[in-house]
Amino acid sequence: MKTFALATAVAIAAVLAGCASKPTLYYTLAEAAPAMAAAPTPLGAPLYIEMLPLAMPERLARPQLVVKQPGDANAQVEVLEQHRWASSFENELRDALASGVAARLGAFDATKGGRQNAQPAWRIAVQVRQFDAIEGARVEAGFGWTLRRSDAALTTACQLSLSEPVGSGIDAVAQGARRLTANAAAAIARSVAAAQANPSAPCAT
């Protein structure tokens, strides 16, 4: 009788262990060590950038990773409950772009404040047209953005499409999205530097 009771208890414990939910994994788009530009010289005017709230498709505006399966002809996507960004995707992407652009320009990131009104800033408005992750294949994205100094009326418009190959597994997808975001930050930084040198020139990425 005792042997039967012990076996039953072990079986129940095994079932409960199998039913236990998997832990939720969190990912970030922030670069571990973004390319740093030389800091502005003390004699030069400080450079400020301000990343405005992103515009993006509603299906992406969530904390969960959204992926497609390779070769899926049904245009279906998976919303992964156990694989999430550290914050909502739009906030995660905005923070990563702002810090990446500021680091590459040696600029101050005034996205969340810290700039007096008298100090001009380059305001960057980004539209995310596409950000698709295909597990085991690639992450691809399309961006559009405008640049305008807060003390000027002239606006520069830019567009960019990027693709980053990824291996199998969701970790690889997240790392690919991180690399793609770093490349987007580098392109935006180049466009700000070009607009600063010649505000009337076409966008340079």
N, C-alpha and C. Protein backbone atom coordinates (compact mmCIF):
# COMPACT_ATOMS: atom_id res chain seq x y z
N MET A 1 0.82 -1.20 0.00
CA MET A 1 0.00 0.00 0.00
C MET A 1 0.86 1.26 0.00
N LYS A 2 1.91 1.19 0.86
CA LYS A 2 2.81 2.34 0.91
C LYS A 2 3.52 2.54 -0.42
N THR A 3 3.89 1.41 -1.06
CA THR A 3 4.57 1.50 -2.36
C THR A 3 3.66 2.13 -3.41
N PHE A 4 2.37 1.76 -3.39
CA PHE A 4 1.41 2.33 -4.34
C PHE A 4 1.24 3.83 -4.11
N ALA A 5 1.14 4.21 -2.82
CA ALA A 5 0.97 5.64 -2.49
C ALA A 5 2.18 6.45 -2.93
N LEU A 6 3.38 5.89 -2.73
CA LEU A 6 4.61 6.59 -3.13
C LEU A 6 4.66 6.75 -4.64
N ALA A 7 4.29 5.67 -5.37
CA ALA A 7 4.31 5.74 -6.82
C ALA A 7 3.31 6.76 -7.33
N THR A 8 2.15 6.83 -6.68
CA THR A 8 1.12 7.80 -7.07
C THR A 8 1.61 9.23 -6.85
N ALA A 9 2.26 9.45 -5.72
CA ALA A 9 2.78 10.79 -5.41
C ALA A 9 3.84 11.21 -6.41
N VAL A 10 4.71 10.27 -6.79
CA VAL A 10 5.75 10.57 -7.78
C VAL A 10 5.11 10.91 -9.12
N ALA A 11 4.09 10.16 -9.50
CA ALA A 11 3.42 10.41 -10.78
C ALA A 11 2.76 11.77 -10.78
N ILE A 12 2.09 12.13 -9.69
CA ILE A 12 1.43 13.44 -9.60
C ILE A 12 2.46 14.56 -9.68
N ALA A 13 3.59 14.38 -8.99
CA ALA A 13 4.64 15.40 -9.02
C ALA A 13 5.18 15.57 -10.42
N ALA A 14 5.32 14.47 -11.16
CA ALA A 14 5.82 14.55 -12.53
C ALA A 14 4.84 15.29 -13.42
N VAL A 15 3.53 15.01 -13.22
CA VAL A 15 2.51 15.71 -14.03
C VAL A 15 2.52 17.19 -13.74
N LEU A 16 2.60 17.54 -12.45
CA LEU A 16 2.62 18.96 -12.07
C LEU A 16 3.85 19.66 -12.63
N ALA A 17 4.99 18.97 -12.61
CA ALA A 17 6.21 19.57 -13.16
C ALA A 17 6.08 19.80 -14.65
N GLY A 18 5.43 18.84 -15.33
CA GLY A 18 5.24 18.99 -16.77
C GLY A 18 4.28 20.11 -17.11
N CYS A 19 3.32 20.38 -16.20
CA CYS A 19 2.33 21.44 -16.45
C CYS A 19 2.85 22.82 -16.08
N ALA A 20 3.96 22.87 -15.35
CA ALA A 20 4.49 24.17 -14.94
C ALA A 20 4.82 25.02 -16.17
N SER A 21 4.46 26.27 -16.12
CA SER A 21 4.68 27.15 -17.27
C SER A 21 6.17 27.44 -17.44
N LYS A 22 6.56 27.62 -18.67
CA LYS A 22 7.96 27.94 -18.97
C LYS A 22 8.25 29.37 -18.51
N PRO A 23 9.48 29.64 -18.10
CA PRO A 23 9.81 31.01 -17.68
C PRO A 23 9.78 31.97 -18.85
N THR A 24 9.39 33.20 -18.58
CA THR A 24 9.37 34.23 -19.61
C THR A 24 10.78 34.80 -19.77
N LEU A 25 11.24 34.89 -21.01
CA LEU A 25 12.56 35.44 -21.31
C LEU A 25 12.40 36.86 -21.84
N TYR A 26 13.30 37.74 -21.41
CA TYR A 26 13.22 39.15 -21.80
C TYR A 26 14.46 39.54 -22.60
N TYR A 27 14.25 40.37 -23.63
CA TYR A 27 15.32 40.78 -24.52
C TYR A 27 15.35 42.31 -24.62
N THR A 28 16.51 42.83 -25.00
CA THR A 28 16.64 44.27 -25.19
C THR A 28 17.23 44.55 -26.56
N LEU A 29 16.89 45.70 -27.11
CA LEU A 29 17.47 46.15 -28.38
C LEU A 29 18.66 47.07 -28.16
N ALA A 30 18.93 47.43 -26.92
CA ALA A 30 20.03 48.34 -26.64
C ALA A 30 21.36 47.68 -26.94
N GLU A 31 22.28 48.44 -27.54
CA GLU A 31 23.61 47.93 -27.83
C GLU A 31 24.43 47.82 -26.55
N ALA A 32 25.23 46.78 -26.47
CA ALA A 32 26.10 46.62 -25.31
C ALA A 32 27.17 47.71 -25.27
N ALA A 33 27.74 48.03 -26.43
CA ALA A 33 28.78 49.06 -26.52
C ALA A 33 28.67 49.75 -27.87
N PRO A 34 27.76 50.74 -28.00
CA PRO A 34 27.61 51.42 -29.28
C PRO A 34 28.86 52.19 -29.67
N ALA A 35 29.06 52.35 -30.98
CA ALA A 35 30.21 53.10 -31.47
C ALA A 35 30.14 54.53 -30.95
N MET A 36 31.17 54.95 -30.24
CA MET A 36 31.16 56.26 -29.61
C MET A 36 31.95 57.26 -30.45
N ALA A 37 31.35 58.42 -30.68
CA ALA A 37 32.07 59.51 -31.34
C ALA A 37 32.81 60.32 -30.28
N ALA A 38 33.75 61.12 -30.74
CA ALA A 38 34.44 62.00 -29.80
C ALA A 38 33.45 62.98 -29.20
N ALA A 39 33.60 63.24 -27.90
CA ALA A 39 32.70 64.19 -27.24
C ALA A 39 32.90 65.59 -27.81
N PRO A 40 31.85 66.42 -27.84
CA PRO A 40 32.00 67.78 -28.34
C PRO A 40 33.06 68.54 -27.56
N THR A 41 33.81 69.38 -28.24
CA THR A 41 34.86 70.15 -27.57
C THR A 41 34.22 71.21 -26.68
N PRO A 42 34.91 71.61 -25.62
CA PRO A 42 34.35 72.61 -24.73
C PRO A 42 34.01 73.92 -25.44
N LEU A 43 34.76 74.28 -26.51
CA LEU A 43 34.53 75.53 -27.22
C LEU A 43 33.36 75.43 -28.18
N GLY A 44 32.98 74.22 -28.59
CA GLY A 44 31.89 74.05 -29.54
C GLY A 44 30.55 73.98 -28.83
N ALA A 45 29.48 74.36 -29.56
CA ALA A 45 28.15 74.28 -28.99
C ALA A 45 27.77 72.82 -28.80
N PRO A 46 27.18 72.45 -27.68
CA PRO A 46 26.78 71.06 -27.47
C PRO A 46 25.69 70.66 -28.47
N LEU A 47 25.71 69.41 -28.87
CA LEU A 47 24.75 68.88 -29.82
C LEU A 47 23.72 68.06 -29.06
N TYR A 48 22.45 68.37 -29.29
CA TYR A 48 21.36 67.65 -28.65
C TYR A 48 20.52 66.95 -29.72
N ILE A 49 20.09 65.74 -29.41
CA ILE A 49 19.13 65.06 -30.27
C ILE A 49 17.91 64.69 -29.42
N GLU A 50 16.76 64.66 -30.08
CA GLU A 50 15.52 64.32 -29.40
C GLU A 50 14.73 63.36 -30.29
N MET A 51 14.56 62.14 -29.84
CA MET A 51 13.81 61.14 -30.59
C MET A 51 12.34 61.22 -30.20
N LEU A 52 11.50 61.60 -31.16
CA LEU A 52 10.08 61.71 -30.89
C LEU A 52 9.45 60.31 -30.80
N PRO A 53 8.24 60.18 -30.22
CA PRO A 53 7.58 58.87 -30.17
C PRO A 53 7.46 58.25 -31.56
N LEU A 54 7.72 56.96 -31.65
CA LEU A 54 7.72 56.29 -32.95
C LEU A 54 6.29 56.04 -33.43
N ALA A 55 6.14 56.03 -34.75
CA ALA A 55 4.90 55.58 -35.38
C ALA A 55 5.16 54.20 -35.97
N MET A 56 4.27 53.25 -35.70
CA MET A 56 4.47 51.89 -36.19
C MET A 56 3.14 51.17 -36.31
N PRO A 57 3.10 50.07 -37.08
CA PRO A 57 1.86 49.30 -37.18
C PRO A 57 1.41 48.79 -35.81
N GLU A 58 0.11 48.74 -35.60
CA GLU A 58 -0.45 48.34 -34.31
C GLU A 58 -0.01 46.93 -33.92
N ARG A 59 0.17 46.04 -34.90
CA ARG A 59 0.51 44.65 -34.58
C ARG A 59 1.88 44.54 -33.92
N LEU A 60 2.74 45.55 -34.09
CA LEU A 60 4.07 45.52 -33.49
C LEU A 60 4.11 46.19 -32.12
N ALA A 61 3.10 46.98 -31.81
CA ALA A 61 3.11 47.78 -30.58
C ALA A 61 2.70 46.94 -29.39
N ARG A 62 3.56 46.02 -29.01
CA ARG A 62 3.29 45.09 -27.91
C ARG A 62 4.64 44.64 -27.34
N PRO A 63 4.66 44.12 -26.11
CA PRO A 63 5.93 43.66 -25.54
C PRO A 63 6.40 42.31 -26.08
N GLN A 64 5.49 41.48 -26.58
CA GLN A 64 5.87 40.15 -27.05
C GLN A 64 6.61 40.23 -28.40
N LEU A 65 7.54 39.30 -28.61
CA LEU A 65 8.16 39.17 -29.92
C LEU A 65 7.12 38.62 -30.90
N VAL A 66 7.13 39.13 -32.10
CA VAL A 66 6.22 38.68 -33.15
C VAL A 66 7.08 38.11 -34.27
N VAL A 67 6.85 36.84 -34.63
CA VAL A 67 7.69 36.20 -35.62
C VAL A 67 6.83 35.51 -36.68
N LYS A 68 7.44 35.29 -37.82
CA LYS A 68 6.86 34.48 -38.89
C LYS A 68 7.70 33.22 -39.04
N GLN A 69 7.09 32.18 -39.55
CA GLN A 69 7.82 30.96 -39.84
C GLN A 69 8.28 30.98 -41.30
N PRO A 70 9.48 30.49 -41.60
CA PRO A 70 9.97 30.51 -42.98
C PRO A 70 9.07 29.67 -43.89
N GLY A 71 8.82 30.20 -45.07
CA GLY A 71 8.02 29.47 -46.05
C GLY A 71 6.53 29.47 -45.77
N ASP A 72 6.07 30.29 -44.81
CA ASP A 72 4.65 30.34 -44.49
C ASP A 72 3.93 31.20 -45.52
N ALA A 73 3.10 30.57 -46.33
CA ALA A 73 2.39 31.29 -47.39
C ALA A 73 1.07 31.88 -46.91
N ASN A 74 0.72 31.65 -45.65
CA ASN A 74 -0.58 32.10 -45.14
C ASN A 74 -0.52 33.47 -44.45
N ALA A 75 0.65 34.09 -44.45
CA ALA A 75 0.85 35.41 -43.84
C ALA A 75 0.49 35.39 -42.34
N GLN A 76 0.70 34.25 -41.70
CA GLN A 76 0.40 34.15 -40.28
C GLN A 76 1.62 34.58 -39.46
N VAL A 77 1.35 35.14 -38.28
CA VAL A 77 2.42 35.51 -37.36
C VAL A 77 2.15 34.86 -36.01
N GLU A 78 3.21 34.66 -35.25
CA GLU A 78 3.12 34.13 -33.90
C GLU A 78 3.47 35.23 -32.90
N VAL A 79 2.62 35.42 -31.92
CA VAL A 79 2.91 36.34 -30.82
C VAL A 79 3.42 35.49 -29.66
N LEU A 80 4.68 35.63 -29.31
CA LEU A 80 5.34 34.73 -28.37
C LEU A 80 5.22 35.26 -26.94
N GLU A 81 4.36 34.62 -26.16
CA GLU A 81 4.11 35.07 -24.79
C GLU A 81 5.33 34.90 -23.89
N GLN A 82 6.13 33.86 -24.13
CA GLN A 82 7.29 33.58 -23.28
C GLN A 82 8.58 34.28 -23.75
N HIS A 83 8.49 35.06 -24.81
CA HIS A 83 9.65 35.80 -25.31
C HIS A 83 9.22 37.25 -25.50
N ARG A 84 9.73 38.12 -24.66
CA ARG A 84 9.26 39.51 -24.64
C ARG A 84 10.43 40.49 -24.65
N TRP A 85 10.14 41.69 -25.14
CA TRP A 85 11.09 42.79 -25.01
C TRP A 85 11.03 43.32 -23.58
N ALA A 86 12.09 43.98 -23.17
CA ALA A 86 12.17 44.47 -21.79
C ALA A 86 11.11 45.53 -21.50
N SER A 87 10.62 46.20 -22.55
CA SER A 87 9.49 47.12 -22.43
C SER A 87 8.67 46.95 -23.70
N SER A 88 7.64 47.74 -23.87
CA SER A 88 6.87 47.63 -25.11
C SER A 88 7.81 47.88 -26.30
N PHE A 89 7.52 47.24 -27.44
CA PHE A 89 8.46 47.29 -28.55
C PHE A 89 8.74 48.71 -29.01
N GLU A 90 7.70 49.56 -29.05
CA GLU A 90 7.93 50.93 -29.52
C GLU A 90 8.85 51.70 -28.58
N ASN A 91 8.72 51.47 -27.26
CA ASN A 91 9.61 52.14 -26.31
C ASN A 91 11.02 51.56 -26.36
N GLU A 92 11.12 50.24 -26.49
CA GLU A 92 12.43 49.58 -26.58
C GLU A 92 13.19 50.07 -27.80
N LEU A 93 12.49 50.15 -28.94
CA LEU A 93 13.14 50.60 -30.17
C LEU A 93 13.50 52.07 -30.12
N ARG A 94 12.62 52.88 -29.58
CA ARG A 94 12.89 54.32 -29.47
C ARG A 94 14.12 54.58 -28.60
N ASP A 95 14.19 53.92 -27.44
CA ASP A 95 15.33 54.12 -26.54
C ASP A 95 16.63 53.66 -27.19
N ALA A 96 16.58 52.52 -27.90
CA ALA A 96 17.79 52.00 -28.54
C ALA A 96 18.26 52.93 -29.66
N LEU A 97 17.33 53.45 -30.45
CA LEU A 97 17.71 54.37 -31.52
C LEU A 97 18.26 55.67 -30.94
N ALA A 98 17.60 56.20 -29.93
CA ALA A 98 18.05 57.48 -29.35
C ALA A 98 19.45 57.36 -28.76
N SER A 99 19.69 56.33 -27.97
CA SER A 99 21.02 56.18 -27.35
C SER A 99 22.07 55.87 -28.40
N GLY A 100 21.71 55.08 -29.43
CA GLY A 100 22.67 54.75 -30.48
C GLY A 100 23.04 55.96 -31.32
N VAL A 101 22.06 56.79 -31.66
CA VAL A 101 22.35 58.01 -32.44
C VAL A 101 23.19 58.97 -31.62
N ALA A 102 22.82 59.18 -30.37
CA ALA A 102 23.56 60.11 -29.52
C ALA A 102 25.01 59.66 -29.35
N ALA A 103 25.23 58.37 -29.14
CA ALA A 103 26.60 57.86 -28.93
C ALA A 103 27.44 58.08 -30.18
N ARG A 104 26.86 57.84 -31.35
CA ARG A 104 27.63 57.97 -32.59
C ARG A 104 27.94 59.42 -32.95
N LEU A 105 27.14 60.35 -32.45
CA LEU A 105 27.37 61.77 -32.75
C LEU A 105 28.11 62.49 -31.63
N GLY A 106 28.34 61.81 -30.52
CA GLY A 106 28.89 62.50 -29.36
C GLY A 106 27.93 63.56 -28.86
N ALA A 107 26.63 63.27 -28.96
CA ALA A 107 25.59 64.23 -28.64
C ALA A 107 24.94 63.89 -27.30
N PHE A 108 24.17 64.83 -26.80
CA PHE A 108 23.37 64.61 -25.61
C PHE A 108 21.99 64.12 -26.03
N ASP A 109 21.51 63.09 -25.37
CA ASP A 109 20.18 62.55 -25.67
C ASP A 109 19.15 63.27 -24.81
N ALA A 110 18.38 64.16 -25.44
CA ALA A 110 17.35 64.92 -24.71
C ALA A 110 15.96 64.34 -24.93
N THR A 111 15.91 63.06 -25.32
CA THR A 111 14.63 62.43 -25.61
C THR A 111 13.67 62.50 -24.43
N LYS A 112 14.19 62.31 -23.23
CA LYS A 112 13.34 62.30 -22.04
C LYS A 112 13.61 63.50 -21.13
N GLY A 113 14.04 64.60 -21.74
CA GLY A 113 14.27 65.81 -20.97
C GLY A 113 15.74 66.09 -20.76
N GLY A 114 16.02 67.12 -19.98
CA GLY A 114 17.39 67.49 -19.68
C GLY A 114 17.95 68.56 -20.59
N ARG A 115 17.08 69.22 -21.36
CA ARG A 115 17.54 70.30 -22.26
C ARG A 115 16.74 71.55 -21.98
N GLN A 116 17.44 72.68 -21.86
CA GLN A 116 16.75 73.96 -21.70
C GLN A 116 16.17 74.40 -23.03
N ASN A 117 15.05 75.12 -22.99
CA ASN A 117 14.36 75.52 -24.21
C ASN A 117 15.22 76.37 -25.14
N ALA A 118 16.18 77.09 -24.57
CA ALA A 118 17.02 77.95 -25.41
C ALA A 118 18.05 77.17 -26.21
N GLN A 119 18.26 75.91 -25.87
CA GLN A 119 19.25 75.09 -26.56
C GLN A 119 18.59 74.33 -27.70
N PRO A 120 19.03 74.55 -28.95
CA PRO A 120 18.41 73.85 -30.08
C PRO A 120 18.74 72.36 -30.06
N ALA A 121 17.85 71.57 -30.62
CA ALA A 121 18.06 70.13 -30.70
C ALA A 121 17.60 69.64 -32.07
N TRP A 122 18.21 68.57 -32.53
CA TRP A 122 17.74 67.90 -33.74
C TRP A 122 16.62 66.95 -33.34
N ARG A 123 15.43 67.23 -33.84
CA ARG A 123 14.27 66.40 -33.54
C ARG A 123 14.11 65.35 -34.64
N ILE A 124 14.01 64.10 -34.22
CA ILE A 124 13.98 62.97 -35.15
C ILE A 124 12.65 62.25 -34.98
N ALA A 125 11.86 62.23 -36.04
CA ALA A 125 10.57 61.54 -36.03
C ALA A 125 10.67 60.32 -36.93
N VAL A 126 10.57 59.14 -36.34
CA VAL A 126 10.77 57.88 -37.06
C VAL A 126 9.43 57.17 -37.27
N GLN A 127 9.22 56.72 -38.49
CA GLN A 127 8.09 55.85 -38.78
C GLN A 127 8.63 54.46 -39.12
N VAL A 128 8.15 53.46 -38.39
CA VAL A 128 8.54 52.08 -38.66
C VAL A 128 7.48 51.49 -39.59
N ARG A 129 7.82 51.37 -40.85
CA ARG A 129 6.86 50.85 -41.82
C ARG A 129 6.75 49.33 -41.74
N GLN A 130 7.84 48.69 -41.37
CA GLN A 130 7.91 47.22 -41.36
C GLN A 130 8.98 46.80 -40.38
N PHE A 131 8.72 45.73 -39.64
CA PHE A 131 9.75 45.12 -38.80
C PHE A 131 9.36 43.66 -38.65
N ASP A 132 9.79 42.84 -39.59
CA ASP A 132 9.38 41.45 -39.66
C ASP A 132 10.53 40.53 -39.29
N ALA A 133 10.25 39.59 -38.41
CA ALA A 133 11.24 38.59 -38.00
C ALA A 133 10.80 37.23 -38.52
N ILE A 134 11.63 36.61 -39.33
CA ILE A 134 11.36 35.29 -39.88
C ILE A 134 12.36 34.33 -39.25
N GLU A 135 11.86 33.48 -38.37
CA GLU A 135 12.75 32.60 -37.59
C GLU A 135 13.58 31.71 -38.52
N GLY A 136 14.88 31.69 -38.26
CA GLY A 136 15.79 30.86 -39.05
C GLY A 136 16.14 31.45 -40.39
N ALA A 137 15.74 32.68 -40.66
CA ALA A 137 16.01 33.29 -41.98
C ALA A 137 16.57 34.70 -41.84
N ARG A 138 15.74 35.65 -41.43
CA ARG A 138 16.20 37.04 -41.41
C ARG A 138 15.24 37.91 -40.60
N VAL A 139 15.73 39.07 -40.25
CA VAL A 139 14.91 40.17 -39.73
C VAL A 139 15.02 41.29 -40.74
N GLU A 140 13.90 41.83 -41.17
CA GLU A 140 13.92 42.91 -42.15
C GLU A 140 13.01 44.04 -41.70
N ALA A 141 13.41 45.26 -42.02
CA ALA A 141 12.66 46.42 -41.54
C ALA A 141 12.74 47.54 -42.56
N GLY A 142 11.71 48.37 -42.53
CA GLY A 142 11.69 49.57 -43.34
C GLY A 142 11.42 50.78 -42.46
N PHE A 143 12.25 51.81 -42.57
CA PHE A 143 12.13 53.00 -41.74
C PHE A 143 11.98 54.23 -42.63
N GLY A 144 11.26 55.20 -42.11
CA GLY A 144 11.27 56.54 -42.67
C GLY A 144 11.44 57.50 -41.52
N TRP A 145 12.15 58.59 -41.73
CA TRP A 145 12.29 59.56 -40.64
C TRP A 145 12.49 60.96 -41.20
N THR A 146 12.15 61.92 -40.38
CA THR A 146 12.38 63.33 -40.71
C THR A 146 13.27 63.95 -39.65
N LEU A 147 14.08 64.90 -40.08
CA LEU A 147 14.98 65.64 -39.20
C LEU A 147 14.63 67.12 -39.26
N ARG A 148 14.60 67.75 -38.10
CA ARG A 148 14.38 69.20 -38.07
C ARG A 148 15.00 69.77 -36.81
N ARG A 149 15.77 70.83 -36.99
CA ARG A 149 16.28 71.54 -35.81
C ARG A 149 15.14 72.30 -35.16
N SER A 150 15.13 72.31 -33.84
CA SER A 150 14.03 72.93 -33.12
C SER A 150 13.95 74.44 -33.36
N ASP A 151 15.04 75.05 -33.83
CA ASP A 151 15.04 76.49 -34.08
C ASP A 151 15.00 76.80 -35.57
N ALA A 152 14.61 75.84 -36.41
CA ALA A 152 14.56 76.05 -37.86
C ALA A 152 13.33 75.37 -38.42
N ALA A 153 12.92 75.81 -39.63
CA ALA A 153 11.71 75.25 -40.25
C ALA A 153 12.03 74.18 -41.28
N LEU A 154 13.28 74.14 -41.76
CA LEU A 154 13.63 73.20 -42.83
C LEU A 154 13.63 71.77 -42.31
N THR A 155 13.00 70.88 -43.07
CA THR A 155 12.90 69.46 -42.69
C THR A 155 13.56 68.58 -43.74
N THR A 156 14.30 67.58 -43.29
CA THR A 156 14.92 66.59 -44.17
C THR A 156 14.21 65.26 -43.99
N ALA A 157 13.83 64.63 -45.10
CA ALA A 157 13.13 63.35 -45.05
C ALA A 157 14.05 62.24 -45.55
N CYS A 158 14.03 61.09 -44.87
CA CYS A 158 14.90 59.97 -45.19
C CYS A 158 14.11 58.66 -45.21
N GLN A 159 14.63 57.69 -45.94
CA GLN A 159 14.05 56.35 -45.97
C GLN A 159 15.17 55.32 -45.98
N LEU A 160 14.89 54.15 -45.42
CA LEU A 160 15.91 53.12 -45.34
C LEU A 160 15.24 51.76 -45.20
N SER A 161 15.76 50.76 -45.92
CA SER A 161 15.34 49.37 -45.75
C SER A 161 16.57 48.56 -45.34
N LEU A 162 16.38 47.66 -44.37
CA LEU A 162 17.48 46.87 -43.84
C LEU A 162 17.06 45.42 -43.72
N SER A 163 18.04 44.52 -43.83
CA SER A 163 17.80 43.10 -43.63
C SER A 163 19.01 42.51 -42.92
N GLU A 164 18.75 41.64 -41.97
CA GLU A 164 19.82 41.02 -41.18
C GLU A 164 19.57 39.52 -41.11
N PRO A 165 20.52 38.68 -41.55
CA PRO A 165 20.31 37.23 -41.47
C PRO A 165 20.34 36.75 -40.03
N VAL A 166 19.54 35.72 -39.73
CA VAL A 166 19.52 35.15 -38.38
C VAL A 166 19.51 33.63 -38.47
N GLY A 167 20.01 33.00 -37.44
CA GLY A 167 19.98 31.55 -37.35
C GLY A 167 18.69 31.06 -36.72
N SER A 168 18.67 29.81 -36.34
CA SER A 168 17.46 29.22 -35.76
C SER A 168 17.34 29.59 -34.29
N GLY A 169 16.11 29.65 -33.83
CA GLY A 169 15.87 29.96 -32.42
C GLY A 169 15.51 31.41 -32.20
N ILE A 170 14.74 31.66 -31.14
CA ILE A 170 14.27 33.01 -30.85
C ILE A 170 15.41 33.91 -30.36
N ASP A 171 16.39 33.32 -29.66
CA ASP A 171 17.54 34.13 -29.24
C ASP A 171 18.24 34.73 -30.46
N ALA A 172 18.38 33.95 -31.51
CA ALA A 172 19.02 34.44 -32.72
C ALA A 172 18.19 35.54 -33.38
N VAL A 173 16.88 35.40 -33.32
CA VAL A 173 15.99 36.43 -33.87
C VAL A 173 16.18 37.74 -33.10
N ALA A 174 16.21 37.66 -31.76
CA ALA A 174 16.38 38.86 -30.94
C ALA A 174 17.73 39.52 -31.20
N GLN A 175 18.79 38.72 -31.34
CA GLN A 175 20.11 39.29 -31.63
C GLN A 175 20.14 39.94 -33.02
N GLY A 176 19.45 39.33 -33.99
CA GLY A 176 19.37 39.93 -35.32
C GLY A 176 18.63 41.26 -35.29
N ALA A 177 17.55 41.32 -34.52
CA ALA A 177 16.81 42.59 -34.38
C ALA A 177 17.68 43.65 -33.73
N ARG A 178 18.51 43.22 -32.79
CA ARG A 178 19.41 44.16 -32.11
C ARG A 178 20.45 44.71 -33.09
N ARG A 179 21.03 43.84 -33.92
CA ARG A 179 22.02 44.31 -34.90
C ARG A 179 21.38 45.23 -35.93
N LEU A 180 20.17 44.89 -36.37
CA LEU A 180 19.48 45.73 -37.34
C LEU A 180 19.19 47.11 -36.75
N THR A 181 18.77 47.14 -35.49
CA THR A 181 18.50 48.42 -34.83
C THR A 181 19.77 49.26 -34.73
N ALA A 182 20.91 48.63 -34.45
CA ALA A 182 22.18 49.36 -34.40
C ALA A 182 22.52 49.94 -35.76
N ASN A 183 22.26 49.19 -36.84
CA ASN A 183 22.52 49.71 -38.19
C ASN A 183 21.59 50.87 -38.52
N ALA A 184 20.34 50.80 -38.06
CA ALA A 184 19.41 51.91 -38.27
C ALA A 184 19.88 53.16 -37.52
N ALA A 185 20.34 52.98 -36.27
CA ALA A 185 20.86 54.11 -35.49
C ALA A 185 22.05 54.76 -36.18
N ALA A 186 22.93 53.93 -36.75
CA ALA A 186 24.10 54.46 -37.46
C ALA A 186 23.67 55.27 -38.68
N ALA A 187 22.66 54.80 -39.42
CA ALA A 187 22.18 55.52 -40.60
C ALA A 187 21.54 56.84 -40.20
N ILE A 188 20.75 56.84 -39.13
CA ILE A 188 20.13 58.08 -38.67
C ILE A 188 21.19 59.07 -38.21
N ALA A 189 22.20 58.58 -37.52
CA ALA A 189 23.29 59.46 -37.07
C ALA A 189 24.00 60.10 -38.27
N ARG A 190 24.25 59.31 -39.32
CA ARG A 190 24.89 59.88 -40.51
C ARG A 190 24.02 60.96 -41.14
N SER A 191 22.71 60.75 -41.14
CA SER A 191 21.83 61.75 -41.74
C SER A 191 21.80 63.03 -40.92
N VAL A 192 21.88 62.91 -39.59
CA VAL A 192 21.93 64.11 -38.74
C VAL A 192 23.23 64.87 -38.98
N ALA A 193 24.35 64.14 -39.05
CA ALA A 193 25.64 64.80 -39.29
C ALA A 193 25.64 65.51 -40.65
N ALA A 194 25.06 64.90 -41.67
CA ALA A 194 25.01 65.53 -42.98
C ALA A 194 24.11 66.74 -42.98
N ALA A 195 22.97 66.65 -42.31
CA ALA A 195 22.05 67.78 -42.25
C ALA A 195 22.62 68.93 -41.44
N GLN A 196 23.42 68.60 -40.43
CA GLN A 196 24.07 69.64 -39.64
C GLN A 196 25.08 70.41 -40.49
N ALA A 197 25.77 69.69 -41.38
CA ALA A 197 26.76 70.32 -42.25
C ALA A 197 26.10 71.13 -43.37
N ASN A 198 24.99 70.60 -43.90
CA ASN A 198 24.30 71.27 -45.00
C ASN A 198 22.81 70.98 -44.89
N PRO A 199 22.05 71.83 -44.20
CA PRO A 199 20.63 71.55 -43.96
C PRO A 199 19.78 71.42 -45.22
N SER A 200 20.21 72.00 -46.33
CA SER A 200 19.40 71.98 -47.55
C SER A 200 19.74 70.78 -48.45
N ALA A 201 20.74 69.97 -48.07
CA ALA A 201 21.15 68.84 -48.90
C ALA A 201 20.14 67.69 -48.74
N PRO A 202 20.03 66.82 -49.76
CA PRO A 202 19.16 65.63 -49.62
C PRO A 202 19.65 64.74 -48.49
N CYS A 203 18.79 63.85 -48.05
CA CYS A 203 19.13 62.95 -46.95
C CYS A 203 20.33 62.10 -47.33
N ALA A 204 21.23 61.93 -46.38
CA ALA A 204 22.42 61.07 -46.57
C ALA A 204 22.40 60.01 -45.47
N THR A 205 22.34 58.74 -45.87
CA THR A 205 22.36 57.67 -44.89
C THR A 205 23.58 56.75 -45.12
